[in-house]
Amino acid sequence: MLELLALRRIPEWLSLSKKQRAFVYEKAVHPRLIRWPVLLLKTALIPCILVPACVLNGLLLFVVYFIGTLLPGEIIDSVLVKRHRQEIVDFIASHQGEIQAVGRHAGENEKA
């Protein structure tokens, strides 16, 4: 979800409709977030946070476990979106026709 906050800083992203954003996310953003090195990094970070947390008890263990499993992945996704911002902007510019077609089809579906 933090990657969506990073995407909101891209003016070209804000000019898209909901259906168009879903299309761009599926074709340009999501593939960058599921590459094997990224998934490996996310997977490797979880034990690094949770193993030291095993000495904690009760509610503190739950809080560290909850934050330790969710937050690292979200931060990595946000950093990747910021790092690939120009590539996302270039994708929006180069695939403008496809994106507009998605917008037109979405408008037809809403009217029906």
PDB file of N, CA and C in Angstrom:
ATOM      1  N   MET A   1       0.804  -1.201   0.000  1.00  0.00           N
ATOM      2  CA  MET A   1       0.000   0.000   0.000  1.00  0.00           C
ATOM      3  C   MET A   1       0.851   1.272   0.000  1.00  0.00           C
ATOM      4  N   LEU A   2       2.049   1.177   0.568  1.00  0.00           N
ATOM      5  CA  LEU A   2       2.916   2.356   0.543  1.00  0.00           C
ATOM      6  C   LEU A   2       3.348   2.705  -0.871  1.00  0.00           C
ATOM      7  N   GLU A   3       3.407   1.701  -1.758  1.00  0.00           N
ATOM      8  CA  GLU A   3       3.779   2.000  -3.137  1.00  0.00           C
ATOM      9  C   GLU A   3       2.715   2.864  -3.808  1.00  0.00           C
ATOM     10  N   LEU A   4       1.460   2.738  -3.370  1.00  0.00           N
ATOM     11  CA  LEU A   4       0.406   3.584  -3.933  1.00  0.00           C
ATOM     12  C   LEU A   4       0.602   5.042  -3.522  1.00  0.00           C
ATOM     13  N   LEU A   5       1.117   5.266  -2.323  1.00  0.00           N
ATOM     14  CA  LEU A   5       1.438   6.637  -1.918  1.00  0.00           C
ATOM     15  C   LEU A   5       2.563   7.202  -2.771  1.00  0.00           C
ATOM     16  N   ALA A   6       3.547   6.362  -3.084  1.00  0.00           N
ATOM     17  CA  ALA A   6       4.642   6.802  -3.950  1.00  0.00           C
ATOM     18  C   ALA A   6       4.134   7.085  -5.365  1.00  0.00           C
ATOM     19  N   LEU A   7       3.190   6.285  -5.833  1.00  0.00           N
ATOM     20  CA  LEU A   7       2.632   6.513  -7.170  1.00  0.00           C
ATOM     21  C   LEU A   7       1.830   7.805  -7.244  1.00  0.00           C
ATOM     22  N   ARG A   8       1.231   8.201  -6.138  1.00  0.00           N
ATOM     23  CA  ARG A   8       0.433   9.428  -6.138  1.00  0.00           C
ATOM     24  C   ARG A   8       1.281  10.680  -6.332  1.00  0.00           C
ATOM     25  N   ARG A   9       2.592  10.551  -6.242  1.00  0.00           N
ATOM     26  CA  ARG A   9       3.480  11.693  -6.490  1.00  0.00           C
ATOM     27  C   ARG A   9       3.822  11.852  -7.965  1.00  0.00           C
ATOM     28  N   ILE A  10       3.320  10.956  -8.803  1.00  0.00           N
ATOM     29  CA  ILE A  10       3.560  11.024 -10.243  1.00  0.00           C
ATOM     30  C   ILE A  10       2.350  11.698 -10.888  1.00  0.00           C
ATOM     31  N   PRO A  11       2.534  12.893 -11.461  1.00  0.00           N
ATOM     32  CA  PRO A  11       1.388  13.617 -12.045  1.00  0.00           C
ATOM     33  C   PRO A  11       0.671  12.817 -13.139  1.00  0.00           C
ATOM     34  N   GLU A  12       1.427  12.081 -13.949  1.00  0.00           N
ATOM     35  CA  GLU A  12       0.813  11.286 -15.017  1.00  0.00           C
ATOM     36  C   GLU A  12      -0.104  10.202 -14.440  1.00  0.00           C
ATOM     37  N   TRP A  13       0.251   9.676 -13.284  1.00  0.00           N
ATOM     38  CA  TRP A  13      -0.561   8.655 -12.610  1.00  0.00           C
ATOM     39  C   TRP A  13      -1.880   9.266 -12.141  1.00  0.00           C
ATOM     40  N   LEU A  14      -1.810  10.461 -11.609  1.00  0.00           N
ATOM     41  CA  LEU A  14      -3.007  11.117 -11.083  1.00  0.00           C
ATOM     42  C   LEU A  14      -4.005  11.468 -12.180  1.00  0.00           C
ATOM     43  N   SER A  15      -3.518  11.638 -13.407  1.00  0.00           N
ATOM     44  CA  SER A  15      -4.427  12.002 -14.501  1.00  0.00           C
ATOM     45  C   SER A  15      -5.188  10.794 -15.057  1.00  0.00           C
ATOM     46  N   LEU A  16      -4.872   9.593 -14.606  1.00  0.00           N
ATOM     47  CA  LEU A  16      -5.517   8.383 -15.108  1.00  0.00           C
ATOM     48  C   LEU A  16      -6.780   8.052 -14.306  1.00  0.00           C
ATOM     49  N   SER A  17      -7.717   7.372 -14.966  1.00  0.00           N
ATOM     50  CA  SER A  17      -8.911   6.896 -14.269  1.00  0.00           C
ATOM     51  C   SER A  17      -8.552   5.662 -13.453  1.00  0.00           C
ATOM     52  N   LYS A  18      -9.502   5.175 -12.674  1.00  0.00           N
ATOM     53  CA  LYS A  18      -9.266   4.003 -11.821  1.00  0.00           C
ATOM     54  C   LYS A  18      -8.917   2.773 -12.664  1.00  0.00           C
ATOM     55  N   LYS A  19      -9.641   2.544 -13.747  1.00  0.00           N
ATOM     56  CA  LYS A  19      -9.376   1.404 -14.628  1.00  0.00           C
ATOM     57  C   LYS A  19      -8.019   1.552 -15.315  1.00  0.00           C
ATOM     58  N   GLN A  20      -7.689   2.769 -15.715  1.00  0.00           N
ATOM     59  CA  GLN A  20      -6.405   3.000 -16.364  1.00  0.00           C
ATOM     60  C   GLN A  20      -5.255   2.790 -15.378  1.00  0.00           C
ATOM     61  N   ARG A  21      -5.437   3.220 -14.135  1.00  0.00           N
ATOM     62  CA  ARG A  21      -4.410   3.002 -13.114  1.00  0.00           C
ATOM     63  C   ARG A  21      -4.203   1.513 -12.880  1.00  0.00           C
ATOM     64  N   ALA A  22      -5.297   0.755 -12.859  1.00  0.00           N
ATOM     65  CA  ALA A  22      -5.186  -0.696 -12.673  1.00  0.00           C
ATOM     66  C   ALA A  22      -4.408  -1.320 -13.833  1.00  0.00           C
ATOM     67  N   PHE A  23      -4.658  -0.851 -15.043  1.00  0.00           N
ATOM     68  CA  PHE A  23      -3.940  -1.353 -16.215  1.00  0.00           C
ATOM     69  C   PHE A  23      -2.449  -1.044 -16.114  1.00  0.00           C
ATOM     70  N   VAL A  24      -2.113   0.194 -15.792  1.00  0.00           N
ATOM     71  CA  VAL A  24      -0.704   0.602 -15.679  1.00  0.00           C
ATOM     72  C   VAL A  24      -0.029  -0.149 -14.535  1.00  0.00           C
ATOM     73  N   TYR A  25      -0.732  -0.304 -13.422  1.00  0.00           N
ATOM     74  CA  TYR A  25      -0.157  -1.034 -12.290  1.00  0.00           C
ATOM     75  C   TYR A  25       0.149  -2.479 -12.690  1.00  0.00           C
ATOM     76  N   GLU A  26      -0.787  -3.105 -13.397  1.00  0.00           N
ATOM     77  CA  GLU A  26      -0.610  -4.499 -13.801  1.00  0.00           C
ATOM     78  C   GLU A  26       0.533  -4.661 -14.795  1.00  0.00           C
ATOM     79  N   LYS A  27       0.683  -3.721 -15.716  1.00  0.00           N
ATOM     80  CA  LYS A  27       1.666  -3.868 -16.787  1.00  0.00           C
ATOM     81  C   LYS A  27       3.032  -3.265 -16.463  1.00  0.00           C
ATOM     82  N   ALA A  28       3.083  -2.215 -15.639  1.00  0.00           N
ATOM     83  CA  ALA A  28       4.359  -1.517 -15.440  1.00  0.00           C
ATOM     84  C   ALA A  28       4.883  -1.586 -14.012  1.00  0.00           C
ATOM     85  N   VAL A  29       4.009  -1.558 -13.026  1.00  0.00           N
ATOM     86  CA  VAL A  29       4.465  -1.483 -11.635  1.00  0.00           C
ATOM     87  C   VAL A  29       4.622  -2.878 -11.036  1.00  0.00           C
ATOM     88  N   HIS A  30       3.578  -3.669 -11.090  1.00  0.00           N
ATOM     89  CA  HIS A  30       3.584  -4.980 -10.444  1.00  0.00           C
ATOM     90  C   HIS A  30       4.739  -5.886 -10.904  1.00  0.00           C
ATOM     91  N   PRO A  31       5.055  -5.944 -12.209  1.00  0.00           N
ATOM     92  CA  PRO A  31       6.186  -6.788 -12.616  1.00  0.00           C
ATOM     93  C   PRO A  31       7.511  -6.413 -11.945  1.00  0.00           C
ATOM     94  N   ARG A  32       7.682  -5.152 -11.607  1.00  0.00           N
ATOM     95  CA  ARG A  32       8.915  -4.735 -10.928  1.00  0.00           C
ATOM     96  C   ARG A  32       8.928  -5.165  -9.458  1.00  0.00           C
ATOM     97  N   LEU A  33       7.765  -5.388  -8.886  1.00  0.00           N
ATOM     98  CA  LEU A  33       7.677  -5.746  -7.472  1.00  0.00           C
ATOM     99  C   LEU A  33       7.734  -7.246  -7.232  1.00  0.00           C
ATOM    100  N   ILE A  34       7.602  -8.047  -8.285  1.00  0.00           N
ATOM    101  CA  ILE A  34       7.591  -9.498  -8.083  1.00  0.00           C
ATOM    102  C   ILE A  34       8.782 -10.194  -8.728  1.00  0.00           C
ATOM    103  N   ARG A  35       9.812  -9.458  -9.083  1.00  0.00           N
ATOM    104  CA  ARG A  35      11.023 -10.091  -9.608  1.00  0.00           C
ATOM    105  C   ARG A  35      11.659 -10.931  -8.507  1.00  0.00           C
ATOM    106  N   TRP A  36      12.347 -11.995  -8.904  1.00  0.00           N
ATOM    107  CA  TRP A  36      12.866 -12.930  -7.900  1.00  0.00           C
ATOM    108  C   TRP A  36      13.855 -12.295  -6.933  1.00  0.00           C
ATOM    109  N   PRO A  37      14.732 -11.346  -7.334  1.00  0.00           N
ATOM    110  CA  PRO A  37      15.613 -10.753  -6.315  1.00  0.00           C
ATOM    111  C   PRO A  37      14.835  -9.962  -5.250  1.00  0.00           C
ATOM    112  N   VAL A  38      13.767  -9.318  -5.678  1.00  0.00           N
ATOM    113  CA  VAL A  38      12.948  -8.550  -4.735  1.00  0.00           C
ATOM    114  C   VAL A  38      12.242  -9.493  -3.764  1.00  0.00           C
ATOM    115  N   LEU A  39      11.666 -10.550  -4.292  1.00  0.00           N
ATOM    116  CA  LEU A  39      10.993 -11.521  -3.426  1.00  0.00           C
ATOM    117  C   LEU A  39      11.979 -12.198  -2.475  1.00  0.00           C
ATOM    118  N   LEU A  40      13.175 -12.468  -2.965  1.00  0.00           N
ATOM    119  CA  LEU A  40      14.203 -13.069  -2.117  1.00  0.00           C
ATOM    120  C   LEU A  40      14.595 -12.121  -0.984  1.00  0.00           C
ATOM    121  N   LEU A  41      14.744 -10.852  -1.307  1.00  0.00           N
ATOM    122  CA  LEU A  41      15.076  -9.862  -0.271  1.00  0.00           C
ATOM    123  C   LEU A  41      13.982  -9.763   0.776  1.00  0.00           C
ATOM    124  N   LYS A  42      12.730  -9.712   0.337  1.00  0.00           N
ATOM    125  CA  LYS A  42      11.614  -9.640   1.278  1.00  0.00           C
ATOM    126  C   LYS A  42      11.574 -10.874   2.178  1.00  0.00           C
ATOM    127  N   THR A  43      11.802 -12.028   1.571  1.00  0.00           N
ATOM    128  CA  THR A  43      11.778 -13.283   2.331  1.00  0.00           C
ATOM    129  C   THR A  43      12.941 -13.355   3.315  1.00  0.00           C
ATOM    130  N   ALA A  44      14.097 -12.861   2.923  1.00  0.00           N
ATOM    131  CA  ALA A  44      15.270 -12.919   3.796  1.00  0.00           C
ATOM    132  C   ALA A  44      15.166 -11.937   4.956  1.00  0.00           C
ATOM    133  N   LEU A  45      14.473 -10.842   4.770  1.00  0.00           N
ATOM    134  CA  LEU A  45      14.350  -9.851   5.842  1.00  0.00           C
ATOM    135  C   LEU A  45      13.463 -10.318   6.989  1.00  0.00           C
ATOM    136  N   ILE A  46      12.475 -11.109   6.696  1.00  0.00           N
ATOM    137  CA  ILE A  46      11.527 -11.529   7.733  1.00  0.00           C
ATOM    138  C   ILE A  46      12.215 -12.302   8.862  1.00  0.00           C
ATOM    139  N   PRO A  47      13.025 -13.334   8.578  1.00  0.00           N
ATOM    140  CA  PRO A  47      13.698 -14.014   9.693  1.00  0.00           C
ATOM    141  C   PRO A  47      14.689 -13.118  10.428  1.00  0.00           C
ATOM    142  N   CYS A  48      15.309 -12.201   9.715  1.00  0.00           N
ATOM    143  CA  CYS A  48      16.262 -11.288  10.357  1.00  0.00           C
ATOM    144  C   CYS A  48      15.579 -10.413  11.409  1.00  0.00           C
ATOM    145  N   ILE A  49      14.322 -10.143  11.224  1.00  0.00           N
ATOM    146  CA  ILE A  49      13.567  -9.338  12.186  1.00  0.00           C
ATOM    147  C   ILE A  49      12.920 -10.228  13.239  1.00  0.00           C
ATOM    148  N   LEU A  50      12.394 -11.374  12.840  1.00  0.00           N
ATOM    149  CA  LEU A  50      11.607 -12.196  13.750  1.00  0.00           C
ATOM    150  C   LEU A  50      12.439 -13.070  14.682  1.00  0.00           C
ATOM    151  N   VAL A  51      13.596 -13.541  14.243  1.00  0.00           N
ATOM    152  CA  VAL A  51      14.406 -14.403  15.113  1.00  0.00           C
ATOM    153  C   VAL A  51      14.850 -13.652  16.372  1.00  0.00           C
ATOM    154  N   PRO A  52      15.387 -12.435  16.254  1.00  0.00           N
ATOM    155  CA  PRO A  52      15.719 -11.716  17.492  1.00  0.00           C
ATOM    156  C   PRO A  52      14.486 -11.384  18.335  1.00  0.00           C
ATOM    157  N   ALA A  53      13.324 -11.290  17.714  1.00  0.00           N
ATOM    158  CA  ALA A  53      12.106 -10.949  18.446  1.00  0.00           C
ATOM    159  C   ALA A  53      11.597 -12.108  19.293  1.00  0.00           C
ATOM    160  N   CYS A  54      12.120 -13.302  19.093  1.00  0.00           N
ATOM    161  CA  CYS A  54      11.653 -14.474  19.844  1.00  0.00           C
ATOM    162  C   CYS A  54      11.918 -14.363  21.341  1.00  0.00           C
ATOM    163  N   VAL A  55      12.825 -13.494  21.743  1.00  0.00           N
ATOM    164  CA  VAL A  55      13.108 -13.340  23.174  1.00  0.00           C
ATOM    165  C   VAL A  55      12.053 -12.470  23.858  1.00  0.00           C
ATOM    166  N   LEU A  56      11.205 -11.837  23.075  1.00  0.00           N
ATOM    167  CA  LEU A  56      10.167 -10.972  23.638  1.00  0.00           C
ATOM    168  C   LEU A  56       8.971 -11.816  24.064  1.00  0.00           C
ATOM    169  N   ASN A  57       8.146 -11.248  24.902  1.00  0.00           N
ATOM    170  CA  ASN A  57       6.964 -11.962  25.388  1.00  0.00           C
ATOM    171  C   ASN A  57       5.703 -11.142  25.164  1.00  0.00           C
ATOM    172  N   GLY A  58       4.588 -11.839  25.074  1.00  0.00           N
ATOM    173  CA  GLY A  58       3.274 -11.219  25.091  1.00  0.00           C
ATOM    174  C   GLY A  58       2.983 -10.288  23.940  1.00  0.00           C
ATOM    175  N   LEU A  59       2.407  -9.162  24.282  1.00  0.00           N
ATOM    176  CA  LEU A  59       1.946  -8.194  23.296  1.00  0.00           C
ATOM    177  C   LEU A  59       3.098  -7.623  22.478  1.00  0.00           C
ATOM    178  N   LEU A  60       4.241  -7.419  23.104  1.00  0.00           N
ATOM    179  CA  LEU A  60       5.398  -6.872  22.390  1.00  0.00           C
ATOM    180  C   LEU A  60       5.833  -7.819  21.271  1.00  0.00           C
ATOM    181  N   LEU A  61       5.800  -9.128  21.535  1.00  0.00           N
ATOM    182  CA  LEU A  61       6.138 -10.104  20.504  1.00  0.00           C
ATOM    183  C   LEU A  61       5.151 -10.013  19.343  1.00  0.00           C
ATOM    184  N   PHE A  62       3.867  -9.880  19.656  1.00  0.00           N
ATOM    185  CA  PHE A  62       2.850  -9.765  18.623  1.00  0.00           C
ATOM    186  C   PHE A  62       3.078  -8.515  17.771  1.00  0.00           C
ATOM    187  N   VAL A  63       3.378  -7.400  18.410  1.00  0.00           N
ATOM    188  CA  VAL A  63       3.595  -6.135  17.694  1.00  0.00           C
ATOM    189  C   VAL A  63       4.818  -6.251  16.789  1.00  0.00           C
ATOM    190  N   VAL A  64       5.919  -6.769  17.312  1.00  0.00           N
ATOM    191  CA  VAL A  64       7.135  -6.913  16.506  1.00  0.00           C
ATOM    192  C   VAL A  64       6.899  -7.894  15.360  1.00  0.00           C
ATOM    193  N   TYR A  65       6.195  -8.974  15.635  1.00  0.00           N
ATOM    194  CA  TYR A  65       5.889  -9.959  14.594  1.00  0.00           C
ATOM    195  C   TYR A  65       5.032  -9.331  13.503  1.00  0.00           C
ATOM    196  N   PHE A  66       4.013  -8.597  13.887  1.00  0.00           N
ATOM    197  CA  PHE A  66       3.112  -7.957  12.928  1.00  0.00           C
ATOM    198  C   PHE A  66       3.862  -6.943  12.073  1.00  0.00           C
ATOM    199  N   ILE A  67       4.611  -6.072  12.716  1.00  0.00           N
ATOM    200  CA  ILE A  67       5.369  -5.050  11.992  1.00  0.00           C
ATOM    201  C   ILE A  67       6.492  -5.687  11.177  1.00  0.00           C
ATOM    202  N   GLY A  68       7.140  -6.700  11.742  1.00  0.00           N
ATOM    203  CA  GLY A  68       8.259  -7.341  11.066  1.00  0.00           C
ATOM    204  C   GLY A  68       7.878  -8.108   9.823  1.00  0.00           C
ATOM    205  N   THR A  69       6.648  -8.555   9.728  1.00  0.00           N
ATOM    206  CA  THR A  69       6.234  -9.286   8.530  1.00  0.00           C
ATOM    207  C   THR A  69       5.633  -8.367   7.469  1.00  0.00           C
ATOM    208  N   LEU A  70       5.042  -7.273   7.863  1.00  0.00           N
ATOM    209  CA  LEU A  70       4.378  -6.399   6.895  1.00  0.00           C
ATOM    210  C   LEU A  70       5.223  -5.218   6.430  1.00  0.00           C
ATOM    211  N   LEU A  71       5.864  -4.549   7.342  1.00  0.00           N
ATOM    212  CA  LEU A  71       6.528  -3.286   7.025  1.00  0.00           C
ATOM    213  C   LEU A  71       7.711  -3.413   6.071  1.00  0.00           C
ATOM    214  N   PRO A  72       8.606  -4.386   6.221  1.00  0.00           N
ATOM    215  CA  PRO A  72       9.752  -4.436   5.295  1.00  0.00           C
ATOM    216  C   PRO A  72       9.335  -4.560   3.830  1.00  0.00           C
ATOM    217  N   GLY A  73       8.362  -5.398   3.540  1.00  0.00           N
ATOM    218  CA  GLY A  73       7.901  -5.548   2.165  1.00  0.00           C
ATOM    219  C   GLY A  73       7.297  -4.269   1.618  1.00  0.00           C
ATOM    220  N   GLU A  74       6.540  -3.596   2.449  1.00  0.00           N
ATOM    221  CA  GLU A  74       5.919  -2.339   2.020  1.00  0.00           C
ATOM    222  C   GLU A  74       6.978  -1.270   1.731  1.00  0.00           C
ATOM    223  N   ILE A  75       7.980  -1.199   2.584  1.00  0.00           N
ATOM    224  CA  ILE A  75       9.044  -0.205   2.386  1.00  0.00           C
ATOM    225  C   ILE A  75       9.833  -0.515   1.122  1.00  0.00           C
ATOM    226  N   ILE A  76      10.136  -1.787   0.899  1.00  0.00           N
ATOM    227  CA  ILE A  76      10.867  -2.174  -0.309  1.00  0.00           C
ATOM    228  C   ILE A  76      10.052  -1.828  -1.554  1.00  0.00           C
ATOM    229  N   ASP A  77       8.758  -2.117  -1.543  1.00  0.00           N
ATOM    230  CA  ASP A  77       7.900  -1.779  -2.683  1.00  0.00           C
ATOM    231  C   ASP A  77       7.883  -0.283  -2.937  1.00  0.00           C
ATOM    232  N   SER A  78       7.792   0.502  -1.885  1.00  0.00           N
ATOM    233  CA  SER A  78       7.771   1.958  -2.025  1.00  0.00           C
ATOM    234  C   SER A  78       9.082   2.470  -2.614  1.00  0.00           C
ATOM    235  N   VAL A  79      10.185   1.949  -2.144  1.00  0.00           N
ATOM    236  CA  VAL A  79      11.496   2.363  -2.661  1.00  0.00           C
ATOM    237  C   VAL A  79      11.635   1.987  -4.131  1.00  0.00           C
ATOM    238  N   LEU A  80      11.170   0.798  -4.499  1.00  0.00           N
ATOM    239  CA  LEU A  80      11.249   0.372  -5.900  1.00  0.00           C
ATOM    240  C   LEU A  80      10.407   1.263  -6.807  1.00  0.00           C
ATOM    241  N   VAL A  81       9.228   1.643  -6.354  1.00  0.00           N
ATOM    242  CA  VAL A  81       8.387   2.527  -7.163  1.00  0.00           C
ATOM    243  C   VAL A  81       9.080   3.877  -7.337  1.00  0.00           C
ATOM    244  N   LYS A  82       9.662   4.401  -6.270  1.00  0.00           N
ATOM    245  CA  LYS A  82      10.384   5.674  -6.382  1.00  0.00           C
ATOM    246  C   LYS A  82      11.585   5.541  -7.309  1.00  0.00           C
ATOM    247  N   ARG A  83      12.272   4.405  -7.229  1.00  0.00           N
ATOM    248  CA  ARG A  83      13.455   4.190  -8.052  1.00  0.00           C
ATOM    249  C   ARG A  83      13.095   4.063  -9.526  1.00  0.00           C
ATOM    250  N   HIS A  84      11.974   3.442  -9.836  1.00  0.00           N
ATOM    251  CA  HIS A  84      11.553   3.211 -11.221  1.00  0.00           C
ATOM    252  C   HIS A  84      10.509   4.228 -11.687  1.00  0.00           C
ATOM    253  N   ARG A  85      10.447   5.350 -11.031  1.00  0.00           N
ATOM    254  CA  ARG A  85       9.449   6.366 -11.356  1.00  0.00           C
ATOM    255  C   ARG A  85       9.508   6.781 -12.825  1.00  0.00           C
ATOM    256  N   GLN A  86      10.713   7.057 -13.328  1.00  0.00           N
ATOM    257  CA  GLN A  86      10.833   7.517 -14.710  1.00  0.00           C
ATOM    258  C   GLN A  86      10.398   6.435 -15.694  1.00  0.00           C
ATOM    259  N   GLU A  87      10.677   5.187 -15.394  1.00  0.00           N
ATOM    260  CA  GLU A  87      10.254   4.094 -16.267  1.00  0.00           C
ATOM    261  C   GLU A  87       8.732   3.978 -16.290  1.00  0.00           C
ATOM    262  N   ILE A  88       8.094   4.226 -15.174  1.00  0.00           N
ATOM    263  CA  ILE A  88       6.634   4.191 -15.116  1.00  0.00           C
ATOM    264  C   ILE A  88       6.050   5.342 -15.936  1.00  0.00           C
ATOM    265  N   VAL A  89       6.653   6.525 -15.804  1.00  0.00           N
ATOM    266  CA  VAL A  89       6.211   7.682 -16.593  1.00  0.00           C
ATOM    267  C   VAL A  89       6.407   7.396 -18.079  1.00  0.00           C
ATOM    268  N   ASP A  90       7.549   6.808 -18.440  1.00  0.00           N
ATOM    269  CA  ASP A  90       7.804   6.468 -19.842  1.00  0.00           C
ATOM    270  C   ASP A  90       6.797   5.436 -20.361  1.00  0.00           C
ATOM    271  N   PHE A  91       6.427   4.468 -19.515  1.00  0.00           N
ATOM    272  CA  PHE A  91       5.436   3.471 -19.907  1.00  0.00           C
ATOM    273  C   PHE A  91       4.102   4.150 -20.189  1.00  0.00           C
ATOM    274  N   ILE A  92       3.699   5.058 -19.322  1.00  0.00           N
ATOM    275  CA  ILE A  92       2.421   5.763 -19.518  1.00  0.00           C
ATOM    276  C   ILE A  92       2.451   6.545 -20.830  1.00  0.00           C
ATOM    277  N   ALA A  93       3.582   7.199 -21.109  1.00  0.00           N
ATOM    278  CA  ALA A  93       3.692   7.988 -22.337  1.00  0.00           C
ATOM    279  C   ALA A  93       3.715   7.104 -23.585  1.00  0.00           C
ATOM    280  N   SER A  94       4.440   5.992 -23.531  1.00  0.00           N
ATOM    281  CA  SER A  94       4.593   5.163 -24.724  1.00  0.00           C
ATOM    282  C   SER A  94       3.378   4.270 -24.998  1.00  0.00           C
ATOM    283  N   HIS A  95       2.571   4.022 -23.988  1.00  0.00           N
ATOM    284  CA  HIS A  95       1.391   3.161 -24.161  1.00  0.00           C
ATOM    285  C   HIS A  95       0.093   3.963 -24.019  1.00  0.00           C
ATOM    286  N   GLN A  96       0.154   5.228 -24.381  1.00  0.00           N
ATOM    287  CA  GLN A  96      -0.997   6.120 -24.219  1.00  0.00           C
ATOM    288  C   GLN A  96      -2.232   5.598 -24.955  1.00  0.00           C
ATOM    289  N   GLY A  97      -2.043   5.044 -26.148  1.00  0.00           N
ATOM    290  CA  GLY A  97      -3.180   4.526 -26.913  1.00  0.00           C
ATOM    291  C   GLY A  97      -3.886   3.379 -26.203  1.00  0.00           C
ATOM    292  N   GLU A  98      -3.102   2.431 -25.695  1.00  0.00           N
ATOM    293  CA  GLU A  98      -3.683   1.305 -24.962  1.00  0.00           C
ATOM    294  C   GLU A  98      -4.393   1.784 -23.696  1.00  0.00           C
ATOM    295  N   ILE A  99      -3.776   2.725 -23.016  1.00  0.00           N
ATOM    296  CA  ILE A  99      -4.345   3.240 -21.765  1.00  0.00           C
ATOM    297  C   ILE A  99      -5.653   3.967 -22.051  1.00  0.00           C
ATOM    298  N   GLN A 100      -5.688   4.757 -23.126  1.00  0.00           N
ATOM    299  CA  GLN A 100      -6.918   5.455 -23.483  1.00  0.00           C
ATOM    300  C   GLN A 100      -8.002   4.466 -23.881  1.00  0.00           C
ATOM    301  N   ALA A 101      -7.618   3.366 -24.555  1.00  0.00           N
ATOM    302  CA  ALA A 101      -8.600   2.349 -24.931  1.00  0.00           C
ATOM    303  C   ALA A 101      -9.206   1.705 -23.689  1.00  0.00           C
ATOM    304  N   VAL A 102      -8.391   1.481 -22.675  1.00  0.00           N
ATOM    305  CA  VAL A 102      -8.910   0.933 -21.412  1.00  0.00           C
ATOM    306  C   VAL A 102      -9.905   1.914 -20.813  1.00  0.00           C
ATOM    307  N   GLY A 103      -9.600   3.185 -20.892  1.00  0.00           N
ATOM    308  CA  GLY A 103     -10.501   4.211 -20.359  1.00  0.00           C
ATOM    309  C   GLY A 103     -11.810   4.266 -21.108  1.00  0.00           C
ATOM    310  N   ARG A 104     -11.760   4.113 -22.434  1.00  0.00           N
ATOM    311  CA  ARG A 104     -12.998   4.136 -23.229  1.00  0.00           C
ATOM    312  C   ARG A 104     -13.864   2.923 -22.920  1.00  0.00           C
ATOM    313  N   HIS A 105     -13.224   1.745 -22.813  1.00  0.00           N
ATOM    314  CA  HIS A 105     -13.998   0.536 -22.505  1.00  0.00           C
ATOM    315  C   HIS A 105     -14.590   0.612 -21.111  1.00  0.00           C
ATOM    316  N   ALA A 106     -13.873   1.238 -20.186  1.00  0.00           N
ATOM    317  CA  ALA A 106     -14.398   1.387 -18.829  1.00  0.00           C
ATOM    318  C   ALA A 106     -15.609   2.311 -18.844  1.00  0.00           C
ATOM    319  N   GLY A 107     -15.560   3.370 -19.661  1.00  0.00           N
ATOM    320  CA  GLY A 107     -16.691   4.293 -19.748  1.00  0.00           C
ATOM    321  C   GLY A 107     -17.912   3.618 -20.338  1.00  0.00           C
ATOM    322  N   GLU A 108     -17.721   2.732 -21.312  1.00  0.00           N
ATOM    323  CA  GLU A 108     -18.841   2.014 -21.906  1.00  0.00           C
ATOM    324  C   GLU A 108     -19.465   1.063 -20.904  1.00  0.00           C
ATOM    325  N   ASN A 109     -18.634   0.410 -20.093  1.00  0.00           N
ATOM    326  CA  ASN A 109     -19.149  -0.528 -19.082  1.00  0.00           C
ATOM    327  C   ASN A 109     -19.934   0.191 -17.996  1.00  0.00           C
ATOM    328  N   GLU A 110     -19.506   1.409 -17.640  1.00  0.00           N
ATOM    329  CA  GLU A 110     -20.206   2.150 -16.587  1.00  0.00           C
ATOM    330  C   GLU A 110     -21.570   2.624 -17.074  1.00  0.00           C
ATOM    331  N   LYS A 111     -21.697   2.927 -18.375  1.00  0.00           N
ATOM    332  CA  LYS A 111     -22.966   3.414 -18.913  1.00  0.00           C
ATOM    333  C   LYS A 111     -23.993   2.293 -19.016  1.00  0.00           C
ATOM    334  N   ALA A 112     -23.523   1.087 -19.244  1.00  0.00           N
ATOM    335  CA  ALA A 112     -24.438  -0.049 -19.448  1.00  0.00           C
ATOM    336  C   ALA A 112     -25.101  -0.484 -18.182  1.00  0.00           C
TER     337      ALA A 112
END
